[in-house]
PDB file of N, CA and C in Angstrom:
ATOM      1  N   MET A   1     -54.873 204.265 -82.532  1.00  0.00           N
ATOM      2  CA  MET A   1     -56.164 204.665 -82.052  1.00  0.00           C
ATOM      3  C   MET A   1     -56.100 206.089 -81.571  1.00  0.00           C
ATOM      4  N   PRO A   2     -56.019 207.022 -82.430  1.00  0.00           N
ATOM      5  CA  PRO A   2     -56.179 208.394 -81.962  1.00  0.00           C
ATOM      6  C   PRO A   2     -57.625 208.863 -82.107  1.00  0.00           C
ATOM      7  N   ASN A   3     -58.031 209.689 -81.163  1.00  0.00           N
ATOM      8  CA  ASN A   3     -59.320 210.377 -81.218  1.00  0.00           C
ATOM      9  C   ASN A   3     -59.050 211.865 -81.206  1.00  0.00           C
ATOM     10  N   ILE A   4     -59.575 212.558 -82.194  1.00  0.00           N
ATOM     11  CA  ILE A   4     -59.517 214.013 -82.199  1.00  0.00           C
ATOM     12  C   ILE A   4     -60.897 214.507 -81.787  1.00  0.00           C
ATOM     13  N   VAL A   5     -60.940 215.270 -80.708  1.00  0.00           N
ATOM     14  CA  VAL A   5     -62.195 215.856 -80.250  1.00  0.00           C
ATOM     15  C   VAL A   5     -62.031 217.369 -80.331  1.00  0.00           C
ATOM     16  N   LEU A   6     -62.792 217.976 -81.228  1.00  0.00           N
ATOM     17  CA  LEU A   6     -62.758 219.413 -81.437  1.00  0.00           C
ATOM     18  C   LEU A   6     -63.983 220.009 -80.735  1.00  0.00           C
ATOM     19  N   GLU A   7     -63.744 220.739 -79.654  1.00  0.00           N
ATOM     20  CA  GLU A   7     -64.824 221.425 -78.949  1.00  0.00           C
ATOM     21  C   GLU A   7     -64.801 222.891 -79.370  1.00  0.00           C
ATOM     22  N   TYR A   8     -65.974 223.446 -79.609  1.00  0.00           N
ATOM     23  CA  TYR A   8     -66.023 224.828 -80.057  1.00  0.00           C
ATOM     24  C   TYR A   8     -67.295 225.502 -79.561  1.00  0.00           C
ATOM     25  N   THR A   9     -67.198 226.798 -79.345  1.00  0.00           N
ATOM     26  CA  THR A   9     -68.367 227.564 -78.935  1.00  0.00           C
ATOM     27  C   THR A   9     -69.237 227.835 -80.159  1.00  0.00           C
ATOM     28  N   ASN A  10     -70.532 227.809 -79.956  1.00  0.00           N
ATOM     29  CA  ASN A  10     -71.437 228.014 -81.088  1.00  0.00           C
ATOM     30  C   ASN A  10     -71.241 229.376 -81.735  1.00  0.00           C
ATOM     31  N   SER A  11     -70.591 230.282 -81.043  1.00  0.00           N
ATOM     32  CA  SER A  11     -70.356 231.625 -81.580  1.00  0.00           C
ATOM     33  C   SER A  11     -69.328 231.660 -82.711  1.00  0.00           C
ATOM     34  N   VAL A  12     -68.592 230.578 -82.938  1.00  0.00           N
ATOM     35  CA  VAL A  12     -67.583 230.592 -84.006  1.00  0.00           C
ATOM     36  C   VAL A  12     -68.101 230.046 -85.334  1.00  0.00           C
ATOM     37  N   GLU A  13     -69.276 229.465 -85.338  1.00  0.00           N
ATOM     38  CA  GLU A  13     -69.773 228.810 -86.550  1.00  0.00           C
ATOM     39  C   GLU A  13     -69.953 229.755 -87.728  1.00  0.00           C
ATOM     40  N   ASP A  14     -70.213 231.024 -87.471  1.00  0.00           N
ATOM     41  CA  ASP A  14     -70.394 231.954 -88.581  1.00  0.00           C
ATOM     42  C   ASP A  14     -69.064 232.433 -89.159  1.00  0.00           C
ATOM     43  N   ARG A  15     -67.946 232.116 -88.500  1.00  0.00           N
ATOM     44  CA  ARG A  15     -66.626 232.556 -88.958  1.00  0.00           C
ATOM     45  C   ARG A  15     -65.703 231.418 -89.342  1.00  0.00           C
ATOM     46  N   VAL A  16     -65.998 230.209 -88.906  1.00  0.00           N
ATOM     47  CA  VAL A  16     -65.107 229.066 -89.127  1.00  0.00           C
ATOM     48  C   VAL A  16     -65.905 227.924 -89.757  1.00  0.00           C
ATOM     49  N   ASN A  17     -65.354 227.336 -90.806  1.00  0.00           N
ATOM     50  CA  ASN A  17     -65.945 226.150 -91.421  1.00  0.00           C
ATOM     51  C   ASN A  17     -65.539 224.952 -90.562  1.00  0.00           C
ATOM     52  N   ILE A  18     -66.395 224.585 -89.624  1.00  0.00           N
ATOM     53  CA  ILE A  18     -66.054 223.540 -88.656  1.00  0.00           C
ATOM     54  C   ILE A  18     -65.805 222.202 -89.347  1.00  0.00           C
ATOM     55  N   GLN A  19     -66.650 221.818 -90.288  1.00  0.00           N
ATOM     56  CA  GLN A  19     -66.456 220.536 -90.974  1.00  0.00           C
ATOM     57  C   GLN A  19     -65.146 220.534 -91.764  1.00  0.00           C
ATOM     58  N   GLY A  20     -64.838 221.633 -92.433  1.00  0.00           N
ATOM     59  CA  GLY A  20     -63.580 221.726 -93.167  1.00  0.00           C
ATOM     60  C   GLY A  20     -62.384 221.672 -92.239  1.00  0.00           C
ATOM     61  N   LEU A  21     -62.479 222.361 -91.105  1.00  0.00           N
ATOM     62  CA  LEU A  21     -61.409 222.334 -90.103  1.00  0.00           C
ATOM     63  C   LEU A  21     -61.216 220.913 -89.579  1.00  0.00           C
ATOM     64  N   LEU A  22     -62.310 220.244 -89.249  1.00  0.00           N
ATOM     65  CA  LEU A  22     -62.224 218.879 -88.734  1.00  0.00           C
ATOM     66  C   LEU A  22     -61.567 217.951 -89.760  1.00  0.00           C
ATOM     67  N   LYS A  23     -61.941 218.090 -91.025  1.00  0.00           N
ATOM     68  CA  LYS A  23     -61.329 217.261 -92.078  1.00  0.00           C
ATOM     69  C   LYS A  23     -59.829 217.515 -92.180  1.00  0.00           C
ATOM     70  N   ASP A  24     -59.423 218.771 -92.092  1.00  0.00           N
ATOM     71  CA  ASP A  24     -57.992 219.093 -92.196  1.00  0.00           C
ATOM     72  C   ASP A  24     -57.208 218.587 -90.986  1.00  0.00           C
ATOM     73  N   LEU A  25     -57.777 218.673 -89.799  1.00  0.00           N
ATOM     74  CA  LEU A  25     -57.126 218.127 -88.605  1.00  0.00           C
ATOM     75  C   LEU A  25     -57.021 216.608 -88.712  1.00  0.00           C
ATOM     76  N   HIS A  26     -58.073 215.986 -89.191  1.00  0.00           N
ATOM     77  CA  HIS A  26     -58.092 214.537 -89.402  1.00  0.00           C
ATOM     78  C   HIS A  26     -56.977 214.133 -90.379  1.00  0.00           C
ATOM     79  N   GLN A  27     -56.814 214.926 -91.429  1.00  0.00           N
ATOM     80  CA  GLN A  27     -55.783 214.640 -92.429  1.00  0.00           C
ATOM     81  C   GLN A  27     -54.384 214.735 -91.829  1.00  0.00           C
ATOM     82  N   VAL A  28     -54.175 215.681 -90.920  1.00  0.00           N
ATOM     83  CA  VAL A  28     -52.881 215.787 -90.232  1.00  0.00           C
ATOM     84  C   VAL A  28     -52.571 214.471 -89.520  1.00  0.00           C
ATOM     85  N   ALA A  29     -53.564 213.926 -88.827  1.00  0.00           N
ATOM     86  CA  ALA A  29     -53.358 212.656 -88.115  1.00  0.00           C
ATOM     87  C   ALA A  29     -53.092 211.517 -89.090  1.00  0.00           C
ATOM     88  N   LEU A  30     -53.786 211.515 -90.226  1.00  0.00           N
ATOM     89  CA  LEU A  30     -53.563 210.471 -91.230  1.00  0.00           C
ATOM     90  C   LEU A  30     -52.160 210.555 -91.824  1.00  0.00           C
ATOM     91  N   ASP A  31     -51.671 211.776 -92.030  1.00  0.00           N
ATOM     92  CA  ASP A  31     -50.398 211.987 -92.717  1.00  0.00           C
ATOM     93  C   ASP A  31     -49.166 211.926 -91.818  1.00  0.00           C
ATOM     94  N   CYS A  32     -49.344 211.927 -90.509  1.00  0.00           N
ATOM     95  CA  CYS A  32     -48.185 212.040 -89.613  1.00  0.00           C
ATOM     96  C   CYS A  32     -47.349 210.764 -89.538  1.00  0.00           C
ATOM     97  N   GLY A  33     -47.896 209.631 -89.967  1.00  0.00           N
ATOM     98  CA  GLY A  33     -47.138 208.389 -89.972  1.00  0.00           C
ATOM     99  C   GLY A  33     -47.106 207.646 -88.653  1.00  0.00           C
ATOM    100  N   LEU A  34     -47.875 208.092 -87.679  1.00  0.00           N
ATOM    101  CA  LEU A  34     -47.861 207.454 -86.358  1.00  0.00           C
ATOM    102  C   LEU A  34     -49.012 206.476 -86.139  1.00  0.00           C
ATOM    103  N   PHE A  35     -50.011 206.495 -87.040  1.00  0.00           N
ATOM    104  CA  PHE A  35     -51.233 205.730 -86.814  1.00  0.00           C
ATOM    105  C   PHE A  35     -51.679 205.019 -88.085  1.00  0.00           C
ATOM    106  N   GLN A  36     -52.422 203.937 -87.905  1.00  0.00           N
ATOM    107  CA  GLN A  36     -53.092 203.281 -89.019  1.00  0.00           C
ATOM    108  C   GLN A  36     -54.296 204.144 -89.404  1.00  0.00           C
ATOM    109  N   ALA A  37     -54.517 204.327 -90.693  1.00  0.00           N
ATOM    110  CA  ALA A  37     -55.588 205.216 -91.162  1.00  0.00           C
ATOM    111  C   ALA A  37     -56.954 204.836 -90.589  1.00  0.00           C
ATOM    112  N   ASP A  38     -57.262 203.550 -90.537  1.00  0.00           N
ATOM    113  CA  ASP A  38     -58.574 203.116 -90.054  1.00  0.00           C
ATOM    114  C   ASP A  38     -58.777 203.363 -88.566  1.00  0.00           C
ATOM    115  N   ASP A  39     -57.703 203.663 -87.850  1.00  0.00           N
ATOM    116  CA  ASP A  39     -57.809 203.895 -86.407  1.00  0.00           C
ATOM    117  C   ASP A  39     -58.095 205.349 -86.046  1.00  0.00           C
ATOM    118  N   VAL A  40     -57.919 206.261 -86.990  1.00  0.00           N
ATOM    119  CA  VAL A  40     -58.091 207.691 -86.712  1.00  0.00           C
ATOM    120  C   VAL A  40     -59.574 208.039 -86.699  1.00  0.00           C
ATOM    121  N   LYS A  41     -60.027 208.631 -85.590  1.00  0.00           N
ATOM    122  CA  LYS A  41     -61.420 209.041 -85.441  1.00  0.00           C
ATOM    123  C   LYS A  41     -61.455 210.504 -85.024  1.00  0.00           C
ATOM    124  N   SER A  42     -62.335 211.272 -85.657  1.00  0.00           N
ATOM    125  CA  SER A  42     -62.426 212.704 -85.367  1.00  0.00           C
ATOM    126  C   SER A  42     -63.885 213.101 -85.225  1.00  0.00           C
ATOM    127  N   ARG A  43     -64.140 214.013 -84.294  1.00  0.00           N
ATOM    128  CA  ARG A  43     -65.491 214.508 -84.106  1.00  0.00           C
ATOM    129  C   ARG A  43     -65.455 215.923 -83.561  1.00  0.00           C
ATOM    130  N   ALA A  44     -66.527 216.656 -83.832  1.00  0.00           N
ATOM    131  CA  ALA A  44     -66.655 218.031 -83.347  1.00  0.00           C
ATOM    132  C   ALA A  44     -67.842 218.105 -82.395  1.00  0.00           C
ATOM    133  N   LEU A  45     -67.638 218.782 -81.280  1.00  0.00           N
ATOM    134  CA  LEU A  45     -68.679 218.950 -80.277  1.00  0.00           C
ATOM    135  C   LEU A  45     -68.932 220.434 -80.065  1.00  0.00           C
ATOM    136  N   ARG A  46     -70.137 220.867 -80.344  1.00  0.00           N
ATOM    137  CA  ARG A  46     -70.530 222.268 -80.209  1.00  0.00           C
ATOM    138  C   ARG A  46     -70.949 222.544 -78.770  1.00  0.00           C
ATOM    139  N   CYS A  47     -70.399 223.595 -78.202  1.00  0.00           N
ATOM    140  CA  CYS A  47     -70.753 224.011 -76.844  1.00  0.00           C
ATOM    141  C   CYS A  47     -71.792 225.123 -76.916  1.00  0.00           C
ATOM    142  N   HIS A  48     -72.906 224.914 -76.260  1.00  0.00           N
ATOM    143  CA  HIS A  48     -73.969 225.916 -76.240  1.00  0.00           C
ATOM    144  C   HIS A  48     -73.877 226.804 -75.002  1.00  0.00           C
ATOM    145  N   GLN A  49     -73.300 226.289 -73.947  1.00  0.00           N
ATOM    146  CA  GLN A  49     -73.107 227.067 -72.725  1.00  0.00           C
ATOM    147  C   GLN A  49     -71.645 226.959 -72.311  1.00  0.00           C
ATOM    148  N   TRP A  50     -71.047 228.082 -71.924  1.00  0.00           N
ATOM    149  CA  TRP A  50     -69.666 228.099 -71.472  1.00  0.00           C
ATOM    150  C   TRP A  50     -69.423 229.378 -70.685  1.00  0.00           C
ATOM    151  N   LEU A  51     -68.389 229.350 -69.887  1.00  0.00           N
ATOM    152  CA  LEU A  51     -67.937 230.514 -69.123  1.00  0.00           C
ATOM    153  C   LEU A  51     -66.432 230.608 -69.252  1.00  0.00           C
ATOM    154  N   ILE A  52     -65.936 231.816 -69.439  1.00  0.00           N
ATOM    155  CA  ILE A  52     -64.498 232.048 -69.486  1.00  0.00           C
ATOM    156  C   ILE A  52     -64.200 233.252 -68.601  1.00  0.00           C
ATOM    157  N   GLY A  53     -63.457 233.023 -67.543  1.00  0.00           N
ATOM    158  CA  GLY A  53     -63.070 234.103 -66.639  1.00  0.00           C
ATOM    159  C   GLY A  53     -64.259 234.943 -66.232  1.00  0.00           C
ATOM    160  N   GLU A  54     -64.102 236.226 -66.331  1.00  0.00           N
ATOM    161  CA  GLU A  54     -65.173 237.161 -65.986  1.00  0.00           C
ATOM    162  C   GLU A  54     -65.977 237.583 -67.218  1.00  0.00           C
ATOM    163  N   TYR A  55     -65.678 236.975 -68.364  1.00  0.00           N
ATOM    164  CA  TYR A  55     -66.310 237.364 -69.622  1.00  0.00           C
ATOM    165  C   TYR A  55     -67.565 236.551 -69.936  1.00  0.00           C
ATOM    166  N   ASP A  56     -67.872 235.584 -69.091  1.00  0.00           N
ATOM    167  CA  ASP A  56     -69.004 234.696 -69.329  1.00  0.00           C
ATOM    168  C   ASP A  56     -68.897 234.082 -70.717  1.00  0.00           C
ATOM    169  N   ASP A  57     -69.925 234.233 -71.535  1.00  0.00           N
ATOM    170  CA  ASP A  57     -69.917 233.613 -72.858  1.00  0.00           C
ATOM    171  C   ASP A  57     -69.662 234.616 -73.978  1.00  0.00           C
ATOM    172  N   SER A  58     -69.074 235.754 -73.643  1.00  0.00           N
ATOM    173  CA  SER A  58     -68.770 236.738 -74.687  1.00  0.00           C
ATOM    174  C   SER A  58     -67.433 236.447 -75.376  1.00  0.00           C
ATOM    175  N   GLU A  59     -66.648 235.565 -74.826  1.00  0.00           N
ATOM    176  CA  GLU A  59     -65.389 235.123 -75.435  1.00  0.00           C
ATOM    177  C   GLU A  59     -65.626 233.751 -76.058  1.00  0.00           C
ATOM    178  N   ASP A  60     -64.946 233.465 -77.158  1.00  0.00           N
ATOM    179  CA  ASP A  60     -65.131 232.165 -77.800  1.00  0.00           C
ATOM    180  C   ASP A  60     -63.830 231.370 -77.823  1.00  0.00           C
ATOM    181  N   PHE A  61     -63.971 230.065 -78.111  1.00  0.00           N
ATOM    182  CA  PHE A  61     -62.787 229.201 -78.124  1.00  0.00           C
ATOM    183  C   PHE A  61     -63.000 228.016 -79.050  1.00  0.00           C
ATOM    184  N   ILE A  62     -61.876 227.440 -79.445  1.00  0.00           N
ATOM    185  CA  ILE A  62     -61.829 226.109 -80.043  1.00  0.00           C
ATOM    186  C   ILE A  62     -60.729 225.364 -79.296  1.00  0.00           C
ATOM    187  N   HIS A  63     -61.060 224.191 -78.808  1.00  0.00           N
ATOM    188  CA  HIS A  63     -60.078 223.380 -78.088  1.00  0.00           C
ATOM    189  C   HIS A  63     -60.062 221.978 -78.689  1.00  0.00           C
ATOM    190  N   ILE A  64     -58.866 221.493 -78.966  1.00  0.00           N
ATOM    191  CA  ILE A  64     -58.696 220.147 -79.498  1.00  0.00           C
ATOM    192  C   ILE A  64     -58.073 219.270 -78.418  1.00  0.00           C
ATOM    193  N   THR A  65     -58.716 218.160 -78.149  1.00  0.00           N
ATOM    194  CA  THR A  65     -58.124 217.110 -77.325  1.00  0.00           C
ATOM    195  C   THR A  65     -57.750 215.980 -78.271  1.00  0.00           C
ATOM    196  N   PHE A  66     -56.480 215.628 -78.269  1.00  0.00           N
ATOM    197  CA  PHE A  66     -55.976 214.561 -79.132  1.00  0.00           C
ATOM    198  C   PHE A  66     -55.560 213.415 -78.219  1.00  0.00           C
ATOM    199  N   GLU A  67     -56.359 212.356 -78.203  1.00  0.00           N
ATOM    200  CA  GLU A  67     -56.086 211.195 -77.355  1.00  0.00           C
ATOM    201  C   GLU A  67     -55.478 210.085 -78.200  1.00  0.00           C
ATOM    202  N   MET A  68     -54.433 209.478 -77.674  1.00  0.00           N
ATOM    203  CA  MET A  68     -53.775 208.384 -78.388  1.00  0.00           C
ATOM    204  C   MET A  68     -53.245 207.380 -77.380  1.00  0.00           C
ATOM    205  N   LEU A  69     -53.115 206.148 -77.817  1.00  0.00           N
ATOM    206  CA  LEU A  69     -52.520 205.140 -76.949  1.00  0.00           C
ATOM    207  C   LEU A  69     -51.078 205.524 -76.642  1.00  0.00           C
ATOM    208  N   SER A  70     -50.655 205.266 -75.442  1.00  0.00           N
ATOM    209  CA  SER A  70     -49.299 205.621 -75.014  1.00  0.00           C
ATOM    210  C   SER A  70     -48.266 204.911 -75.876  1.00  0.00           C
ATOM    211  N   GLY A  71     -47.068 205.486 -75.916  1.00  0.00           N
ATOM    212  CA  GLY A  71     -45.979 204.852 -76.645  1.00  0.00           C
ATOM    213  C   GLY A  71     -45.279 205.764 -77.632  1.00  0.00           C
ATOM    214  N   ARG A  72     -45.847 206.948 -77.878  1.00  0.00           N
ATOM    215  CA  ARG A  72     -45.175 207.899 -78.773  1.00  0.00           C
ATOM    216  C   ARG A  72     -44.229 208.761 -77.961  1.00  0.00           C
ATOM    217  N   SER A  73     -43.153 209.179 -78.587  1.00  0.00           N
ATOM    218  CA  SER A  73     -42.166 210.001 -77.882  1.00  0.00           C
ATOM    219  C   SER A  73     -42.687 211.423 -77.703  1.00  0.00           C
ATOM    220  N   ASP A  74     -42.092 212.142 -76.771  1.00  0.00           N
ATOM    221  CA  ASP A  74     -42.447 213.551 -76.577  1.00  0.00           C
ATOM    222  C   ASP A  74     -42.189 214.344 -77.852  1.00  0.00           C
ATOM    223  N   GLU A  75     -41.124 214.015 -78.551  1.00  0.00           N
ATOM    224  CA  GLU A  75     -40.802 214.703 -79.808  1.00  0.00           C
ATOM    225  C   GLU A  75     -41.901 214.477 -80.849  1.00  0.00           C
ATOM    226  N   GLN A  76     -42.374 213.238 -80.982  1.00  0.00           N
ATOM    227  CA  GLN A  76     -43.446 212.938 -81.933  1.00  0.00           C
ATOM    228  C   GLN A  76     -44.728 213.685 -81.565  1.00  0.00           C
ATOM    229  N   LYS A  77     -45.067 213.679 -80.287  1.00  0.00           N
ATOM    230  CA  LYS A  77     -46.287 214.360 -79.838  1.00  0.00           C
ATOM    231  C   LYS A  77     -46.163 215.871 -79.998  1.00  0.00           C
ATOM    232  N   ASN A  78     -44.997 216.407 -79.736  1.00  0.00           N
ATOM    233  CA  ASN A  78     -44.784 217.844 -79.879  1.00  0.00           C
ATOM    234  C   ASN A  78     -44.905 218.266 -81.343  1.00  0.00           C
ATOM    235  N   LYS A  79     -44.326 217.493 -82.243  1.00  0.00           N
ATOM    236  CA  LYS A  79     -44.417 217.798 -83.672  1.00  0.00           C
ATOM    237  C   LYS A  79     -45.871 217.758 -84.140  1.00  0.00           C
ATOM    238  N   LEU A  80     -46.599 216.737 -83.732  1.00  0.00           N
ATOM    239  CA  LEU A  80     -48.006 216.606 -84.100  1.00  0.00           C
ATOM    240  C   LEU A  80     -48.833 217.752 -83.519  1.00  0.00           C
ATOM    241  N   SER A  81     -48.558 218.125 -82.288  1.00  0.00           N
ATOM    242  CA  SER A  81     -49.253 219.244 -81.649  1.00  0.00           C
ATOM    243  C   SER A  81     -49.052 220.537 -82.432  1.00  0.00           C
ATOM    244  N   HIS A  82     -47.823 220.777 -82.872  1.00  0.00           N
ATOM    245  CA  HIS A  82     -47.527 221.972 -83.672  1.00  0.00           C
ATOM    246  C   HIS A  82     -48.270 221.944 -85.012  1.00  0.00           C
ATOM    247  N   GLN A  83     -48.329 220.779 -85.635  1.00  0.00           N
ATOM    248  CA  GLN A  83     -49.040 220.669 -86.911  1.00  0.00           C
ATOM    249  C   GLN A  83     -50.531 220.954 -86.731  1.00  0.00           C
ATOM    250  N   LEU A  84     -51.103 220.457 -85.652  1.00  0.00           N
ATOM    251  CA  LEU A  84     -52.521 220.690 -85.378  1.00  0.00           C
ATOM    252  C   LEU A  84     -52.801 222.157 -85.075  1.00  0.00           C
ATOM    253  N   ILE A  85     -51.975 222.784 -84.264  1.00  0.00           N
ATOM    254  CA  ILE A  85     -52.194 224.188 -83.920  1.00  0.00           C
ATOM    255  C   ILE A  85     -51.979 225.085 -85.138  1.00  0.00           C
ATOM    256  N   ASP A  86     -51.082 224.697 -86.040  1.00  0.00           N
ATOM    257  CA  ASP A  86     -50.880 225.463 -87.273  1.00  0.00           C
ATOM    258  C   ASP A  86     -52.148 225.466 -88.127  1.00  0.00           C
ATOM    259  N   VAL A  87     -52.777 224.306 -88.277  1.00  0.00           N
ATOM    260  CA  VAL A  87     -54.038 224.229 -89.023  1.00  0.00           C
ATOM    261  C   VAL A  87     -55.110 225.047 -88.320  1.00  0.00           C
ATOM    262  N   LEU A  88     -55.164 224.908 -87.024  1.00  0.00           N
ATOM    263  CA  LEU A  88     -56.176 225.611 -86.235  1.00  0.00           C
ATOM    264  C   LEU A  88     -56.033 227.125 -86.345  1.00  0.00           C
ATOM    265  N   THR A  89     -54.834 227.640 -86.191  1.00  0.00           N
ATOM    266  CA  THR A  89     -54.643 229.085 -86.262  1.00  0.00           C
ATOM    267  C   THR A  89     -54.839 229.617 -87.681  1.00  0.00           C
ATOM    268  N   ALA A  90     -54.509 228.817 -88.692  1.00  0.00           N
ATOM    269  CA  ALA A  90     -54.707 229.253 -90.076  1.00  0.00           C
ATOM    270  C   ALA A  90     -56.187 229.395 -90.411  1.00  0.00           C
ATOM    271  N   GLN A  91     -57.012 228.516 -89.864  1.00  0.00           N
ATOM    272  CA  GLN A  91     -58.433 228.516 -90.222  1.00  0.00           C
ATOM    273  C   GLN A  91     -59.325 229.212 -89.206  1.00  0.00           C
ATOM    274  N   ALA A  92     -58.814 229.433 -88.009  1.00  0.00           N
ATOM    275  CA  ALA A  92     -59.646 230.005 -86.947  1.00  0.00           C
ATOM    276  C   ALA A  92     -58.927 231.162 -86.259  1.00  0.00           C
ATOM    277  N   GLY A  93     -58.231 231.966 -87.039  1.00  0.00           N
ATOM    278  CA  GLY A  93     -57.458 233.079 -86.485  1.00  0.00           C
ATOM    279  C   GLY A  93     -58.295 234.149 -85.818  1.00  0.00           C
ATOM    280  N   THR A  94     -59.581 234.201 -86.104  1.00  0.00           N
ATOM    281  CA  THR A  94     -60.449 235.208 -85.483  1.00  0.00           C
ATOM    282  C   THR A  94     -61.023 234.764 -84.150  1.00  0.00           C
ATOM    283  N   VAL A  95     -60.799 233.518 -83.783  1.00  0.00           N
ATOM    284  CA  VAL A  95     -61.320 232.984 -82.520  1.00  0.00           C
ATOM    285  C   VAL A  95     -60.401 233.421 -81.380  1.00  0.00           C
ATOM    286  N   LYS A  96     -60.992 233.877 -80.294  1.00  0.00           N
ATOM    287  CA  LYS A  96     -60.239 234.445 -79.166  1.00  0.00           C
ATOM    288  C   LYS A  96     -59.189 233.473 -78.607  1.00  0.00           C
ATOM    289  N   SER A  97     -59.580 232.229 -78.392  1.00  0.00           N
ATOM    290  CA  SER A  97     -58.671 231.256 -77.780  1.00  0.00           C
ATOM    291  C   SER A  97     -58.715 229.955 -78.557  1.00  0.00           C
ATOM    292  N   VAL A  98     -57.538 229.481 -79.002  1.00  0.00           N
ATOM    293  CA  VAL A  98     -57.427 228.172 -79.637  1.00  0.00           C
ATOM    294  C   VAL A  98     -56.350 227.387 -78.887  1.00  0.00           C
ATOM    295  N   SER A  99     -56.605 226.100 -78.691  1.00  0.00           N
ATOM    296  CA  SER A  99     -55.655 225.299 -77.906  1.00  0.00           C
ATOM    297  C   SER A  99     -55.700 223.836 -78.342  1.00  0.00           C
ATOM    298  N   VAL A 100     -54.608 223.141 -78.038  1.00  0.00           N
ATOM    299  CA  VAL A 100     -54.469 221.712 -78.321  1.00  0.00           C
ATOM    300  C   VAL A 100     -53.907 221.040 -77.080  1.00  0.00           C
ATOM    301  N   ASN A 101     -54.494 219.920 -76.696  1.00  0.00           N
ATOM    302  CA  ASN A 101     -53.978 219.127 -75.590  1.00  0.00           C
ATOM    303  C   ASN A 101     -53.763 217.704 -76.081  1.00  0.00           C
ATOM    304  N   MET A 102     -52.518 217.236 -75.999  1.00  0.00           N
ATOM    305  CA  MET A 102     -52.184 215.868 -76.368  1.00  0.00           C
ATOM    306  C   MET A 102     -52.300 215.005 -75.118  1.00  0.00           C
ATOM    307  N   ARG A 103     -53.020 213.908 -75.228  1.00  0.00           N
ATOM    308  CA  ARG A 103     -53.270 213.074 -74.050  1.00  0.00           C
ATOM    309  C   ARG A 103     -52.981 211.612 -74.364  1.00  0.00           C
ATOM    310  N   ASP A 104     -52.128 210.993 -73.541  1.00  0.00           N
ATOM    311  CA  ASP A 104     -51.838 209.569 -73.678  1.00  0.00           C
ATOM    312  C   ASP A 104     -52.897 208.742 -72.955  1.00  0.00           C
ATOM    313  N   MET A 105     -53.312 207.670 -73.604  1.00  0.00           N
ATOM    314  CA  MET A 105     -54.225 206.708 -72.999  1.00  0.00           C
ATOM    315  C   MET A 105     -53.419 205.481 -72.589  1.00  0.00           C
ATOM    316  N   ASP A 106     -53.720 204.922 -71.454  1.00  0.00           N
ATOM    317  CA  ASP A 106     -53.003 203.768 -70.925  1.00  0.00           C
ATOM    318  C   ASP A 106     -53.361 202.521 -71.734  1.00  0.00           C
ATOM    319  N   ARG A 107     -52.361 201.941 -72.393  1.00  0.00           N
ATOM    320  CA  ARG A 107     -52.590 200.759 -73.222  1.00  0.00           C
ATOM    321  C   ARG A 107     -53.122 199.574 -72.416  1.00  0.00           C
ATOM    322  N   SER A 108     -52.701 199.463 -71.166  1.00  0.00           N
ATOM    323  CA  SER A 108     -53.088 198.293 -70.378  1.00  0.00           C
ATOM    324  C   SER A 108     -54.550 198.335 -69.944  1.00  0.00           C
ATOM    325  N   THR A 109     -55.160 199.501 -69.939  1.00  0.00           N
ATOM    326  CA  THR A 109     -56.554 199.589 -69.494  1.00  0.00           C
ATOM    327  C   THR A 109     -57.536 199.970 -70.605  1.00  0.00           C
ATOM    328  N   PHE A 110     -57.039 200.353 -71.764  1.00  0.00           N
ATOM    329  CA  PHE A 110     -57.928 200.700 -72.878  1.00  0.00           C
ATOM    330  C   PHE A 110     -58.536 199.421 -73.446  1.00  0.00           C
ATOM    331  N   LYS A 111     -59.827 199.452 -73.675  1.00  0.00           N
ATOM    332  CA  LYS A 111     -60.538 198.301 -74.254  1.00  0.00           C
ATOM    333  C   LYS A 111     -61.353 198.767 -75.448  1.00  0.00           C
ATOM    334  N   LYS A 112     -61.446 197.895 -76.454  1.00  0.00           N
ATOM    335  CA  LYS A 112     -62.191 198.213 -77.664  1.00  0.00           C
ATOM    336  C   LYS A 112     -62.834 196.935 -78.195  1.00  0.00           C
ATOM    337  N   VAL A 113     -64.067 197.033 -78.641  1.00  0.00           N
ATOM    338  CA  VAL A 113     -64.774 195.910 -79.228  1.00  0.00           C
ATOM    339  C   VAL A 113     -65.243 196.336 -80.605  1.00  0.00           C
ATOM    340  N   LEU A 114     -64.908 195.559 -81.604  1.00  0.00           N
ATOM    341  CA  LEU A 114     -65.394 195.790 -82.970  1.00  0.00           C
ATOM    342  C   LEU A 114     -66.401 194.710 -83.318  1.00  0.00           C
ATOM    343  N   ASN A 115     -67.522 195.114 -83.830  1.00  0.00           N
ATOM    344  CA  ASN A 115     -68.566 194.144 -84.233  1.00  0.00           C
ATOM    345  C   ASN A 115     -68.645 194.063 -85.738  1.00  0.00           C
TER     346      ASN A 115
END
C-alpha cells in the first residue's frame, strides 16, 4: 500500500509535464519489487498558494511524499528514494526545489475498506 503524493506549485505546469512525471514515478513504485501492483496509488496536488522563506510565491517546488506500510528496510527505502529523485530531477530540473520524503505508516493502526 504505497501512496505517492506529488505536490507542485502551479508555476511549474508550463515547464513540467505533471501527468507524465506522475506516471513515471508510479512506474518506479511498480518496478521496485516492494509492492503489489494493485496497491500502488499515485496522485498530484496542485498548490495555488504557497510561501517559501522571504520569496513568497516567486519560488517554485515539487515535493513527493511516499507513504508506505512499515516493514521495509532503510536500505530499501533509501534506494527507492534515490530512484524517485532521479526521475524528478531528470524531468523537473528547472524547478527551484525538488524533494522526496519517505514515510512509514503504522501497520497496526492503518485501516482500509474495499467495496
